[in-house]
């Protein structure tokens, strides 16, 4: 709920300055800012400052959400529709592959140091991200690949993300799709977190479990992305790509419900919850992510950037708030 409230003023500030800078400049500045955030929270956690954990959750979620939005906006600006269908799956696969060593690093660090040290490891990794963005900026300096997406006059015409969305039926449908996906993701997330909490006893042990999960998820999603996502898009279309995630959640979700209702063995229920979470998260970050990003390609350039930022930050966080409201009966143990 806090994310939903705080995302809106952040978005307003973001849309006021975003058009003044090139794509690479935004990515470099955001990456450097996140490095500072991670180091600062590493210090705060060490000092035991009250409220650090929820503050970190809110700040990091909004910050990394903006960076991901910036990256895909840059990609949609560089590639036309034909190139996007051919390359988005491969580009997304790079991010998924990074989840494998990322998860292993978190698991290893929590075992041999502590969970707090993972923040420093993430900060060091972001240094490499900033370096790569700077290298890209130098290689495309002065070209259309790194120019601002829209001119000031077009910014004025767009009148912000909400106005852009209201002017396009496609954008409104993307919003509806995002809201439904995030609410379902929240439900799967709370089920998985509950299961891990019951199966572990210490924080570092849970960090290790989550590290293993993200490694497996990244590997599964990477293989799916490389072998199937592009074939789905080029063979049977983006619409088919958007149906893979709902079908998977229905299949494994129904199995979890059936096992819990009819008294399945705890180990089997736990394994099926893992399968549900792996498929939901893996497919969301592979075929579903690539399919949703392709939906923005035919949107006019002067609408795409503000609308995408509004959807990725405010709509997505607002949907998390909606999911939190729907899950209040679970939060207060009424269900």
C-alpha atoms as a PDB file:
ATOM      1  CA  UNK A   1       0.000   0.000   0.000  1.00  0.00           C
ATOM      2  CA  UNK A   2       2.877   2.356   0.774  1.00  0.00           C
ATOM      3  CA  UNK A   3       4.392   1.599  -2.631  1.00  0.00           C
ATOM      4  CA  UNK A   4       1.167   2.607  -4.336  1.00  0.00           C
ATOM      5  CA  UNK A   5       1.043   5.923  -2.445  1.00  0.00           C
ATOM      6  CA  UNK A   6       4.713   6.886  -2.825  1.00  0.00           C
ATOM      7  CA  UNK A   7       5.094   5.841  -6.466  1.00  0.00           C
ATOM      8  CA  UNK A   8       2.849   8.659  -7.718  1.00  0.00           C
ATOM      9  CA  UNK A   9       4.938  11.672  -6.557  1.00  0.00           C
ATOM     10  CA  UNK A  10       8.096   9.865  -7.688  1.00  0.00           C
ATOM     11  CA  UNK A  11       6.528   9.377 -11.111  1.00  0.00           C
ATOM     12  CA  UNK A  12       5.538  13.042 -11.335  1.00  0.00           C
ATOM     13  CA  UNK A  13       9.096  14.127 -10.584  1.00  0.00           C
ATOM     14  CA  UNK A  14      10.471  11.566 -13.041  1.00  0.00           C
ATOM     15  CA  UNK A  15       8.268  12.692 -15.922  1.00  0.00           C
ATOM     16  CA  UNK A  16       9.318  16.325 -15.387  1.00  0.00           C
ATOM     17  CA  UNK A  17      12.992  15.613 -16.041  1.00  0.00           C
ATOM     18  CA  UNK A  18      13.060  12.425 -18.129  1.00  0.00           C
ATOM     19  CA  UNK A  19      12.711  14.173 -21.500  1.00  0.00           C
ATOM     20  CA  UNK A  20      15.764  16.363 -20.970  1.00  0.00           C
ATOM     21  CA  UNK A  21      18.242  13.485 -21.047  1.00  0.00           C
ATOM     22  CA  UNK A  22      19.379  10.750 -23.375  1.00  0.00           C
ATOM     23  CA  UNK A  23      18.511   7.125 -22.652  1.00  0.00           C
ATOM     24  CA  UNK A  24      22.083   6.195 -21.720  1.00  0.00           C
ATOM     25  CA  UNK A  25      22.355   9.175 -19.367  1.00  0.00           C
ATOM     26  CA  UNK A  26      19.243   8.051 -17.495  1.00  0.00           C
ATOM     27  CA  UNK A  27      20.501   4.478 -17.140  1.00  0.00           C
ATOM     28  CA  UNK A  28      23.948   5.598 -15.929  1.00  0.00           C
ATOM     29  CA  UNK A  29      22.537   8.116 -13.446  1.00  0.00           C
ATOM     30  CA  UNK A  30      19.950   5.661 -12.119  1.00  0.00           C
ATOM     31  CA  UNK A  31      22.545   2.907 -11.748  1.00  0.00           C
ATOM     32  CA  UNK A  32      24.888   5.212  -9.848  1.00  0.00           C
ATOM     33  CA  UNK A  33      22.024   6.326  -7.617  1.00  0.00           C
ATOM     34  CA  UNK A  34      21.091   2.722  -6.818  1.00  0.00           C
ATOM     35  CA  UNK A  35      24.698   1.963  -5.885  1.00  0.00           C
ATOM     36  CA  UNK A  36      24.502   4.758  -3.323  1.00  0.00           C
ATOM     37  CA  UNK A  37      21.153   3.460  -2.063  1.00  0.00           C
ATOM     38  CA  UNK A  38      22.477  -0.078  -1.561  1.00  0.00           C
ATOM     39  CA  UNK A  39      25.568   1.107   0.317  1.00  0.00           C
ATOM     40  CA  UNK A  40      23.488   3.460   2.472  1.00  0.00           C
ATOM     41  CA  UNK A  41      21.091   0.699   3.466  1.00  0.00           C
ATOM     42  CA  UNK A  42      24.008  -1.638   4.158  1.00  0.00           C
ATOM     43  CA  UNK A  43      25.123   0.932   6.751  1.00  0.00           C
ATOM     44  CA  UNK A  44      21.595   1.445   8.136  1.00  0.00           C
ATOM     45  CA  UNK A  45      20.984  -2.289   8.544  1.00  0.00           C
ATOM     46  CA  UNK A  46      24.308  -2.560  10.377  1.00  0.00           C
ATOM     47  CA  UNK A  47      23.308   0.225  12.766  1.00  0.00           C
ATOM     48  CA  UNK A  48      19.932  -1.397  13.423  1.00  0.00           C
ATOM     49  CA  UNK A  49      17.961   1.759  12.588  1.00  0.00           C
ATOM     50  CA  UNK A  50      14.210   1.133  13.125  1.00  0.00           C
ATOM     51  CA  UNK A  51      12.126   1.027   9.934  1.00  0.00           C
ATOM     52  CA  UNK A  52      15.105   0.234   7.687  1.00  0.00           C
ATOM     53  CA  UNK A  53      13.605  -2.956   6.247  1.00  0.00           C
ATOM     54  CA  UNK A  54      10.301  -1.487   4.964  1.00  0.00           C
ATOM     55  CA  UNK A  55      12.120   1.640   3.760  1.00  0.00           C
ATOM     56  CA  UNK A  56      14.560  -0.520   1.783  1.00  0.00           C
ATOM     57  CA  UNK A  57      11.683  -2.498   0.288  1.00  0.00           C
ATOM     58  CA  UNK A  58       9.924   0.662  -0.921  1.00  0.00           C
ATOM     59  CA  UNK A  59      12.995   2.544  -2.197  1.00  0.00           C
ATOM     60  CA  UNK A  60      14.613  -0.414  -3.951  1.00  0.00           C
ATOM     61  CA  UNK A  61      11.367  -1.576  -5.573  1.00  0.00           C
ATOM     62  CA  UNK A  62      10.620   1.857  -7.047  1.00  0.00           C
ATOM     63  CA  UNK A  63      14.257   2.451  -8.026  1.00  0.00           C
ATOM     64  CA  UNK A  64      14.843  -0.847  -9.795  1.00  0.00           C
ATOM     65  CA  UNK A  65      11.394  -0.612 -11.410  1.00  0.00           C
ATOM     66  CA  UNK A  66      12.389   2.703 -12.990  1.00  0.00           C
ATOM     67  CA  UNK A  67      15.676   1.295 -14.282  1.00  0.00           C
ATOM     68  CA  UNK A  68      13.959  -1.687 -15.914  1.00  0.00           C
ATOM     69  CA  UNK A  69      11.420   0.677 -17.490  1.00  0.00           C
ATOM     70  CA  UNK A  70      14.235   2.883 -18.814  1.00  0.00           C
ATOM     71  CA  UNK A  71      16.022  -0.089 -20.352  1.00  0.00           C
ATOM     72  CA  UNK A  72      12.997  -1.462 -22.216  1.00  0.00           C
ATOM     73  CA  UNK A  73      11.989   2.031 -23.343  1.00  0.00           C
ATOM     74  CA  UNK A  74      15.478   2.407 -24.808  1.00  0.00           C
ATOM     75  CA  UNK A  75      15.125  -0.956 -26.573  1.00  0.00           C
ATOM     76  CA  UNK A  76      11.702  -0.037 -27.990  1.00  0.00           C
ATOM     77  CA  UNK A  77      13.210   3.239 -29.271  1.00  0.00           C
ATOM     78  CA  UNK A  78      16.170   1.561 -30.985  1.00  0.00           C
ATOM     79  CA  UNK A  79      14.399  -1.356 -32.711  1.00  0.00           C
ATOM     80  CA  UNK A  80      11.458  -1.364 -35.103  1.00  0.00           C
ATOM     81  CA  UNK A  81       8.608  -3.900 -34.790  1.00  0.00           C
ATOM     82  CA  UNK A  82      10.294  -6.572 -36.949  1.00  0.00           C
ATOM     83  CA  UNK A  83      13.608  -6.273 -35.112  1.00  0.00           C
ATOM     84  CA  UNK A  84      11.845  -6.294 -31.739  1.00  0.00           C
ATOM     85  CA  UNK A  85      10.042  -9.583 -32.469  1.00  0.00           C
ATOM     86  CA  UNK A  86      13.384 -11.097 -33.457  1.00  0.00           C
ATOM     87  CA  UNK A  87      15.573  -9.670 -30.678  1.00  0.00           C
ATOM     88  CA  UNK A  88      13.503  -8.950 -27.548  1.00  0.00           C
ATOM     89  CA  UNK A  89      13.469 -12.601 -26.500  1.00  0.00           C
ATOM     90  CA  UNK A  90      17.267 -12.794 -26.849  1.00  0.00           C
ATOM     91  CA  UNK A  91      17.791  -9.502 -24.982  1.00  0.00           C
ATOM     92  CA  UNK A  92      15.507 -10.624 -22.168  1.00  0.00           C
ATOM     93  CA  UNK A  93      17.410 -13.912 -21.983  1.00  0.00           C
ATOM     94  CA  UNK A  94      20.500 -11.997 -20.884  1.00  0.00           C
ATOM     95  CA  UNK A  95      18.692 -10.678 -17.827  1.00  0.00           C
ATOM     96  CA  UNK A  96      17.347 -14.128 -17.018  1.00  0.00           C
ATOM     97  CA  UNK A  97      20.772 -15.715 -17.309  1.00  0.00           C
ATOM     98  CA  UNK A  98      22.071 -13.148 -14.816  1.00  0.00           C
ATOM     99  CA  UNK A  99      19.611 -14.498 -12.273  1.00  0.00           C
ATOM    100  CA  UNK A 100      21.531 -17.773 -12.081  1.00  0.00           C
ATOM    101  CA  UNK A 101      24.866 -16.417 -10.721  1.00  0.00           C
ATOM    102  CA  UNK A 102      22.940 -13.702  -8.850  1.00  0.00           C
ATOM    103  CA  UNK A 103      20.957 -16.267  -6.910  1.00  0.00           C
ATOM    104  CA  UNK A 104      24.039 -18.374  -6.249  1.00  0.00           C
ATOM    105  CA  UNK A 105      25.937 -15.301  -5.004  1.00  0.00           C
ATOM    106  CA  UNK A 106      23.149 -14.452  -2.558  1.00  0.00           C
ATOM    107  CA  UNK A 107      23.006 -18.035  -1.307  1.00  0.00           C
ATOM    108  CA  UNK A 108      26.797 -18.302  -0.946  1.00  0.00           C
ATOM    109  CA  UNK A 109      27.198 -14.913   0.765  1.00  0.00           C
ATOM    110  CA  UNK A 110      24.436 -15.663   3.288  1.00  0.00           C
ATOM    111  CA  UNK A 111      26.188 -18.879   4.264  1.00  0.00           C
ATOM    112  CA  UNK A 112      29.730 -17.571   4.629  1.00  0.00           C
ATOM    113  CA  UNK A 113      29.050 -13.955   5.685  1.00  0.00           C
ATOM    114  CA  UNK A 114      25.515 -12.671   6.325  1.00  0.00           C
ATOM    115  CA  UNK A 115      22.453 -11.512   4.424  1.00  0.00           C
ATOM    116  CA  UNK A 116      23.427  -7.839   4.757  1.00  0.00           C
ATOM    117  CA  UNK A 117      26.598  -8.437   2.721  1.00  0.00           C
ATOM    118  CA  UNK A 118      24.483  -9.228  -0.354  1.00  0.00           C
ATOM    119  CA  UNK A 119      23.768  -5.475  -0.616  1.00  0.00           C
ATOM    120  CA  UNK A 120      27.453  -4.745  -1.195  1.00  0.00           C
ATOM    121  CA  UNK A 121      27.673  -7.533  -3.775  1.00  0.00           C
ATOM    122  CA  UNK A 122      24.695  -6.028  -5.602  1.00  0.00           C
ATOM    123  CA  UNK A 123      26.305  -2.571  -5.496  1.00  0.00           C
ATOM    124  CA  UNK A 124      29.538  -3.938  -6.997  1.00  0.00           C
ATOM    125  CA  UNK A 125      27.549  -5.639  -9.761  1.00  0.00           C
ATOM    126  CA  UNK A 126      25.806  -2.353 -10.551  1.00  0.00           C
ATOM    127  CA  UNK A 127      29.216  -0.747 -11.089  1.00  0.00           C
ATOM    128  CA  UNK A 128      29.620  -3.104 -14.056  1.00  0.00           C
ATOM    129  CA  UNK A 129      26.136  -2.144 -15.302  1.00  0.00           C
ATOM    130  CA  UNK A 130      27.056   1.540 -15.246  1.00  0.00           C
ATOM    131  CA  UNK A 131      30.346   0.807 -17.046  1.00  0.00           C
ATOM    132  CA  UNK A 132      28.549  -1.087 -19.822  1.00  0.00           C
ATOM    133  CA  UNK A 133      25.987   1.722 -20.231  1.00  0.00           C
ATOM    134  CA  UNK A 134      28.805   4.270 -20.519  1.00  0.00           C
ATOM    135  CA  UNK A 135      30.518   2.121 -23.156  1.00  0.00           C
ATOM    136  CA  UNK A 136      27.284   1.867 -25.146  1.00  0.00           C
ATOM    137  CA  UNK A 137      26.748   5.621 -24.902  1.00  0.00           C
ATOM    138  CA  UNK A 138      30.227   6.293 -26.300  1.00  0.00           C
ATOM    139  CA  UNK A 139      29.767   3.852 -29.163  1.00  0.00           C
ATOM    140  CA  UNK A 140      26.457   5.400 -30.300  1.00  0.00           C
ATOM    141  CA  UNK A 141      27.239   9.036 -29.421  1.00  0.00           C
ATOM    142  CA  UNK A 142      25.474  11.436 -31.758  1.00  0.00           C
ATOM    143  CA  UNK A 143      23.328   8.739 -33.392  1.00  0.00           C
ATOM    144  CA  UNK A 144      19.578   8.217 -33.345  1.00  0.00           C
ATOM    145  CA  UNK A 145      20.086   5.167 -31.090  1.00  0.00           C
ATOM    146  CA  UNK A 146      20.730   7.393 -28.074  1.00  0.00           C
ATOM    147  CA  UNK A 147      18.701  10.473 -28.866  1.00  0.00           C
ATOM    148  CA  UNK A 148      15.842  11.667 -26.653  1.00  0.00           C
ATOM    149  CA  UNK A 149      12.657   9.828 -27.573  1.00  0.00           C
ATOM    150  CA  UNK A 150      10.502  12.914 -28.077  1.00  0.00           C
ATOM    151  CA  UNK A 151      10.981  16.625 -28.677  1.00  0.00           C
ATOM    152  CA  UNK A 152       9.752  19.233 -26.139  1.00  0.00           C
ATOM    153  CA  UNK A 153       6.708  20.024 -28.288  1.00  0.00           C
ATOM    154  CA  UNK A 154       5.707  16.367 -28.292  1.00  0.00           C
ATOM    155  CA  UNK A 155       6.198  16.224 -24.526  1.00  0.00           C
ATOM    156  CA  UNK A 156       3.686  19.024 -24.162  1.00  0.00           C
ATOM    157  CA  UNK A 157       1.247  17.194 -26.415  1.00  0.00           C
ATOM    158  CA  UNK A 158       1.602  13.966 -24.410  1.00  0.00           C
ATOM    159  CA  UNK A 159       0.572  15.725 -21.140  1.00  0.00           C
ATOM    160  CA  UNK A 160       1.918  12.994 -18.940  1.00  0.00           C
ATOM    161  CA  UNK A 161       1.481   9.272 -18.695  1.00  0.00           C
ATOM    162  CA  UNK A 162      -2.163   9.166 -17.598  1.00  0.00           C
ATOM    163  CA  UNK A 163      -3.311  11.379 -20.486  1.00  0.00           C
ATOM    164  CA  UNK A 164      -1.315   9.230 -22.908  1.00  0.00           C
ATOM    165  CA  UNK A 165      -2.957   6.065 -21.603  1.00  0.00           C
ATOM    166  CA  UNK A 166      -6.461   7.522 -21.748  1.00  0.00           C
ATOM    167  CA  UNK A 167      -5.918   8.422 -25.416  1.00  0.00           C
ATOM    168  CA  UNK A 168      -5.104   4.860 -26.498  1.00  0.00           C
ATOM    169  CA  UNK A 169      -7.322   1.780 -26.235  1.00  0.00           C
ATOM    170  CA  UNK A 170      -4.235  -0.430 -26.577  1.00  0.00           C
ATOM    171  CA  UNK A 171      -2.547   1.293 -23.624  1.00  0.00           C
ATOM    172  CA  UNK A 172      -5.681   0.911 -21.495  1.00  0.00           C
ATOM    173  CA  UNK A 173      -5.756  -2.815 -22.277  1.00  0.00           C
ATOM    174  CA  UNK A 174      -2.067  -3.069 -21.338  1.00  0.00           C
ATOM    175  CA  UNK A 175      -2.942  -1.421 -18.011  1.00  0.00           C
ATOM    176  CA  UNK A 176      -5.708  -3.969 -17.382  1.00  0.00           C
ATOM    177  CA  UNK A 177      -3.322  -6.796 -18.252  1.00  0.00           C
ATOM    178  CA  UNK A 178      -0.666  -5.437 -15.887  1.00  0.00           C
ATOM    179  CA  UNK A 179      -3.118  -5.077 -12.975  1.00  0.00           C
ATOM    180  CA  UNK A 180      -4.418  -8.634 -13.293  1.00  0.00           C
ATOM    181  CA  UNK A 181      -0.911 -10.079 -13.648  1.00  0.00           C
ATOM    182  CA  UNK A 182       0.445  -8.250 -10.593  1.00  0.00           C
ATOM    183  CA  UNK A 183      -2.503  -9.255  -8.370  1.00  0.00           C
ATOM    184  CA  UNK A 184      -2.053 -12.908  -9.301  1.00  0.00           C
ATOM    185  CA  UNK A 185       1.702 -12.579  -8.739  1.00  0.00           C
ATOM    186  CA  UNK A 186       1.042 -11.192  -5.235  1.00  0.00           C
ATOM    187  CA  UNK A 187      -1.127 -14.207  -4.421  1.00  0.00           C
ATOM    188  CA  UNK A 188       1.526 -16.650  -5.609  1.00  0.00           C
ATOM    189  CA  UNK A 189       4.241 -14.688  -3.775  1.00  0.00           C
ATOM    190  CA  UNK A 190       2.506 -14.783  -0.386  1.00  0.00           C
ATOM    191  CA  UNK A 191       1.878 -18.520  -0.802  1.00  0.00           C
ATOM    192  CA  UNK A 192       5.541 -19.194  -1.592  1.00  0.00           C
ATOM    193  CA  UNK A 193       6.839 -16.928   1.204  1.00  0.00           C
ATOM    194  CA  UNK A 194       4.519 -18.662   3.685  1.00  0.00           C
ATOM    195  CA  UNK A 195       5.812 -22.060   2.588  1.00  0.00           C
ATOM    196  CA  UNK A 196       9.479 -21.025   2.881  1.00  0.00           C
ATOM    197  CA  UNK A 197       8.837 -19.460   6.299  1.00  0.00           C
ATOM    198  CA  UNK A 198       7.363 -22.724   7.569  1.00  0.00           C
ATOM    199  CA  UNK A 199      10.274 -24.772   6.160  1.00  0.00           C
ATOM    200  CA  UNK A 200      13.100 -22.603   7.624  1.00  0.00           C
ATOM    201  CA  UNK A 201      14.057 -21.103  10.978  1.00  0.00           C
ATOM    202  CA  UNK A 202      16.736 -18.406  10.426  1.00  0.00           C
ATOM    203  CA  UNK A 203      17.143 -15.361   8.172  1.00  0.00           C
ATOM    204  CA  UNK A 204      20.372 -16.530   6.518  1.00  0.00           C
ATOM    205  CA  UNK A 205      18.792 -19.922   5.879  1.00  0.00           C
ATOM    206  CA  UNK A 206      15.867 -18.234   4.130  1.00  0.00           C
ATOM    207  CA  UNK A 207      18.247 -16.062   2.111  1.00  0.00           C
ATOM    208  CA  UNK A 208      19.977 -19.245   0.944  1.00  0.00           C
ATOM    209  CA  UNK A 209      16.638 -20.799  -0.050  1.00  0.00           C
ATOM    210  CA  UNK A 210      15.642 -17.703  -2.015  1.00  0.00           C
ATOM    211  CA  UNK A 211      19.077 -17.667  -3.648  1.00  0.00           C
ATOM    212  CA  UNK A 212      18.610 -21.251  -4.821  1.00  0.00           C
ATOM    213  CA  UNK A 213      15.126 -20.387  -6.042  1.00  0.00           C
ATOM    214  CA  UNK A 214      16.281 -17.438  -8.158  1.00  0.00           C
ATOM    215  CA  UNK A 215      19.089 -19.512  -9.660  1.00  0.00           C
ATOM    216  CA  UNK A 216      16.646 -22.250 -10.676  1.00  0.00           C
ATOM    217  CA  UNK A 217      14.111 -19.697 -11.881  1.00  0.00           C
ATOM    218  CA  UNK A 218      16.725 -17.872 -13.968  1.00  0.00           C
ATOM    219  CA  UNK A 219      17.899 -21.128 -15.546  1.00  0.00           C
ATOM    220  CA  UNK A 220      14.335 -22.291 -16.321  1.00  0.00           C
ATOM    221  CA  UNK A 221      13.321 -18.911 -17.728  1.00  0.00           C
ATOM    222  CA  UNK A 222      16.535 -18.625 -19.772  1.00  0.00           C
ATOM    223  CA  UNK A 223      16.040 -22.033 -21.394  1.00  0.00           C
ATOM    224  CA  UNK A 224      12.378 -21.244 -22.111  1.00  0.00           C
ATOM    225  CA  UNK A 225      13.324 -17.842 -23.534  1.00  0.00           C
ATOM    226  CA  UNK A 226      16.008 -19.217 -25.843  1.00  0.00           C
ATOM    227  CA  UNK A 227      14.139 -22.279 -27.060  1.00  0.00           C
ATOM    228  CA  UNK A 228      10.493 -21.205 -27.165  1.00  0.00           C
ATOM    229  CA  UNK A 229       9.734 -17.482 -26.747  1.00  0.00           C
ATOM    230  CA  UNK A 230      10.986 -16.360 -30.154  1.00  0.00           C
ATOM    231  CA  UNK A 231       9.329 -19.344 -31.847  1.00  0.00           C
ATOM    232  CA  UNK A 232       6.024 -18.486 -30.156  1.00  0.00           C
ATOM    233  CA  UNK A 233       6.201 -14.828 -31.246  1.00  0.00           C
ATOM    234  CA  UNK A 234       7.232 -15.539 -34.829  1.00  0.00           C
ATOM    235  CA  UNK A 235       5.131 -18.657 -35.283  1.00  0.00           C
ATOM    236  CA  UNK A 236       1.786 -18.093 -33.551  1.00  0.00           C
ATOM    237  CA  UNK A 237       1.958 -14.474 -32.413  1.00  0.00           C
ATOM    238  CA  UNK A 238       2.257 -12.212 -29.388  1.00  0.00           C
ATOM    239  CA  UNK A 239      -1.262 -13.100 -28.227  1.00  0.00           C
ATOM    240  CA  UNK A 240      -0.242 -16.724 -27.785  1.00  0.00           C
ATOM    241  CA  UNK A 241       2.790 -15.583 -25.793  1.00  0.00           C
ATOM    242  CA  UNK A 242       0.513 -13.701 -23.419  1.00  0.00           C
ATOM    243  CA  UNK A 243      -1.530 -16.854 -22.716  1.00  0.00           C
ATOM    244  CA  UNK A 244       1.352 -19.048 -21.548  1.00  0.00           C
ATOM    245  CA  UNK A 245       1.601 -17.545 -18.039  1.00  0.00           C
ATOM    246  CA  UNK A 246      -2.141 -17.712 -17.196  1.00  0.00           C
ATOM    247  CA  UNK A 247      -2.306 -21.324 -18.381  1.00  0.00           C
ATOM    248  CA  UNK A 248       0.668 -22.289 -16.210  1.00  0.00           C
ATOM    249  CA  UNK A 249      -0.704 -20.566 -13.096  1.00  0.00           C
ATOM    250  CA  UNK A 250      -4.084 -22.243 -13.584  1.00  0.00           C
ATOM    251  CA  UNK A 251      -2.451 -25.661 -13.922  1.00  0.00           C
ATOM    252  CA  UNK A 252      -0.096 -25.542 -10.934  1.00  0.00           C
ATOM    253  CA  UNK A 253      -2.417 -23.381  -8.812  1.00  0.00           C
ATOM    254  CA  UNK A 254      -5.209 -25.909  -9.191  1.00  0.00           C
ATOM    255  CA  UNK A 255      -2.815 -28.678  -8.189  1.00  0.00           C
ATOM    256  CA  UNK A 256      -1.787 -26.793  -5.021  1.00  0.00           C
ATOM    257  CA  UNK A 257      -5.407 -26.163  -4.060  1.00  0.00           C
ATOM    258  CA  UNK A 258      -6.349 -29.799  -4.667  1.00  0.00           C
ATOM    259  CA  UNK A 259      -3.452 -31.075  -2.547  1.00  0.00           C
ATOM    260  CA  UNK A 260      -4.260 -28.719   0.338  1.00  0.00           C
ATOM    261  CA  UNK A 261      -7.999 -29.451   0.253  1.00  0.00           C
ATOM    262  CA  UNK A 262      -7.603 -33.214   0.065  1.00  0.00           C
ATOM    263  CA  UNK A 263      -4.753 -33.466   2.560  1.00  0.00           C
ATOM    264  CA  UNK A 264      -1.648 -33.989   0.454  1.00  0.00           C
ATOM    265  CA  UNK A 265       1.660 -34.739   2.185  1.00  0.00           C
ATOM    266  CA  UNK A 266       3.430 -31.537   3.338  1.00  0.00           C
ATOM    267  CA  UNK A 267       6.529 -32.358   1.274  1.00  0.00           C
ATOM    268  CA  UNK A 268       4.465 -32.776  -1.884  1.00  0.00           C
ATOM    269  CA  UNK A 269       2.527 -29.562  -1.213  1.00  0.00           C
ATOM    270  CA  UNK A 270       5.820 -27.698  -0.670  1.00  0.00           C
ATOM    271  CA  UNK A 271       7.263 -29.078  -3.922  1.00  0.00           C
ATOM    272  CA  UNK A 272       4.134 -28.102  -5.860  1.00  0.00           C
ATOM    273  CA  UNK A 273       4.235 -24.567  -4.410  1.00  0.00           C
ATOM    274  CA  UNK A 274       7.840 -24.363  -5.645  1.00  0.00           C
ATOM    275  CA  UNK A 275       6.689 -25.487  -9.091  1.00  0.00           C
ATOM    276  CA  UNK A 276       3.914 -22.871  -9.071  1.00  0.00           C
ATOM    277  CA  UNK A 277       6.299 -20.068  -8.077  1.00  0.00           C
ATOM    278  CA  UNK A 278       9.040 -21.170 -10.496  1.00  0.00           C
ATOM    279  CA  UNK A 279       6.634 -21.262 -13.425  1.00  0.00           C
ATOM    280  CA  UNK A 280       4.859 -18.009 -12.519  1.00  0.00           C
ATOM    281  CA  UNK A 281       8.044 -16.005 -11.938  1.00  0.00           C
ATOM    282  CA  UNK A 282      10.049 -17.660 -14.701  1.00  0.00           C
ATOM    283  CA  UNK A 283       7.377 -17.215 -17.361  1.00  0.00           C
ATOM    284  CA  UNK A 284       6.603 -13.669 -16.162  1.00  0.00           C
ATOM    285  CA  UNK A 285      10.236 -12.662 -16.706  1.00  0.00           C
ATOM    286  CA  UNK A 286      10.594 -14.530 -20.012  1.00  0.00           C
ATOM    287  CA  UNK A 287       7.783 -15.013 -22.518  1.00  0.00           C
ATOM    288  CA  UNK A 288       5.294 -12.762 -20.685  1.00  0.00           C
ATOM    289  CA  UNK A 289       7.786  -9.882 -20.256  1.00  0.00           C
ATOM    290  CA  UNK A 290       8.889 -10.045 -23.893  1.00  0.00           C
ATOM    291  CA  UNK A 291       5.277 -10.272 -25.094  1.00  0.00           C
ATOM    292  CA  UNK A 292       4.170  -7.265 -23.035  1.00  0.00           C
ATOM    293  CA  UNK A 293       7.128  -5.186 -24.199  1.00  0.00           C
ATOM    294  CA  UNK A 294       6.211  -5.943 -27.825  1.00  0.00           C
ATOM    295  CA  UNK A 295       2.770  -4.445 -27.184  1.00  0.00           C
ATOM    296  CA  UNK A 296       4.417  -1.013 -26.772  1.00  0.00           C
ATOM    297  CA  UNK A 297       6.175  -1.094 -30.175  1.00  0.00           C
ATOM    298  CA  UNK A 298       3.189   0.126 -32.270  1.00  0.00           C
ATOM    299  CA  UNK A 299       2.422   2.937 -29.772  1.00  0.00           C
ATOM    300  CA  UNK A 300       3.349   6.416 -31.048  1.00  0.00           C
ATOM    301  CA  UNK A 301       6.755   7.597 -29.815  1.00  0.00           C
ATOM    302  CA  UNK A 302       5.341  10.697 -28.119  1.00  0.00           C
ATOM    303  CA  UNK A 303       3.012   8.502 -26.035  1.00  0.00           C
ATOM    304  CA  UNK A 304       5.209   5.470 -25.431  1.00  0.00           C
ATOM    305  CA  UNK A 305       7.720   6.911 -22.986  1.00  0.00           C
ATOM    306  CA  UNK A 306       5.370   8.660 -20.510  1.00  0.00           C
ATOM    307  CA  UNK A 307       2.782   5.867 -20.756  1.00  0.00           C
ATOM    308  CA  UNK A 308       5.325   3.128 -20.171  1.00  0.00           C
ATOM    309  CA  UNK A 309       6.831   4.895 -17.156  1.00  0.00           C
ATOM    310  CA  UNK A 310       3.337   5.437 -15.732  1.00  0.00           C
ATOM    311  CA  UNK A 311       2.399   1.775 -16.241  1.00  0.00           C
ATOM    312  CA  UNK A 312       5.690   0.304 -15.035  1.00  0.00           C
ATOM    313  CA  UNK A 313       5.881   2.446 -11.902  1.00  0.00           C
ATOM    314  CA  UNK A 314       2.470   3.699 -10.792  1.00  0.00           C
ATOM    315  CA  UNK A 315       0.108   1.113 -12.286  1.00  0.00           C
ATOM    316  CA  UNK A 316       2.324  -1.794 -11.267  1.00  0.00           C
ATOM    317  CA  UNK A 317       2.780  -0.470  -7.706  1.00  0.00           C
ATOM    318  CA  UNK A 318      -0.900   0.445  -7.482  1.00  0.00           C
ATOM    319  CA  UNK A 319      -1.776  -3.093  -8.513  1.00  0.00           C
ATOM    320  CA  UNK A 320       0.483  -4.351  -5.718  1.00  0.00           C
ATOM    321  CA  UNK A 321      -1.555  -2.183  -3.352  1.00  0.00           C
ATOM    322  CA  UNK A 322      -4.764  -3.657  -4.732  1.00  0.00           C
ATOM    323  CA  UNK A 323      -3.346  -7.141  -4.246  1.00  0.00           C
ATOM    324  CA  UNK A 324      -2.403  -6.214  -0.673  1.00  0.00           C
ATOM    325  CA  UNK A 325      -5.995  -5.118   0.023  1.00  0.00           C
ATOM    326  CA  UNK A 326      -7.397  -8.340  -1.434  1.00  0.00           C
ATOM    327  CA  UNK A 327      -4.969 -10.341   0.720  1.00  0.00           C
ATOM    328  CA  UNK A 328      -5.803  -8.545   3.987  1.00  0.00           C
ATOM    329  CA  UNK A 329      -7.918 -11.511   5.185  1.00  0.00           C
ATOM    330  CA  UNK A 330      -4.768 -13.650   4.877  1.00  0.00           C
ATOM    331  CA  UNK A 331      -2.538 -10.990   6.454  1.00  0.00           C
ATOM    332  CA  UNK A 332      -4.762 -10.826   9.565  1.00  0.00           C
ATOM    333  CA  UNK A 333      -5.237 -14.619   9.612  1.00  0.00           C
ATOM    334  CA  UNK A 334      -8.969 -14.457   8.963  1.00  0.00           C
ATOM    335  CA  UNK A 335      -8.298 -17.007   6.197  1.00  0.00           C
END
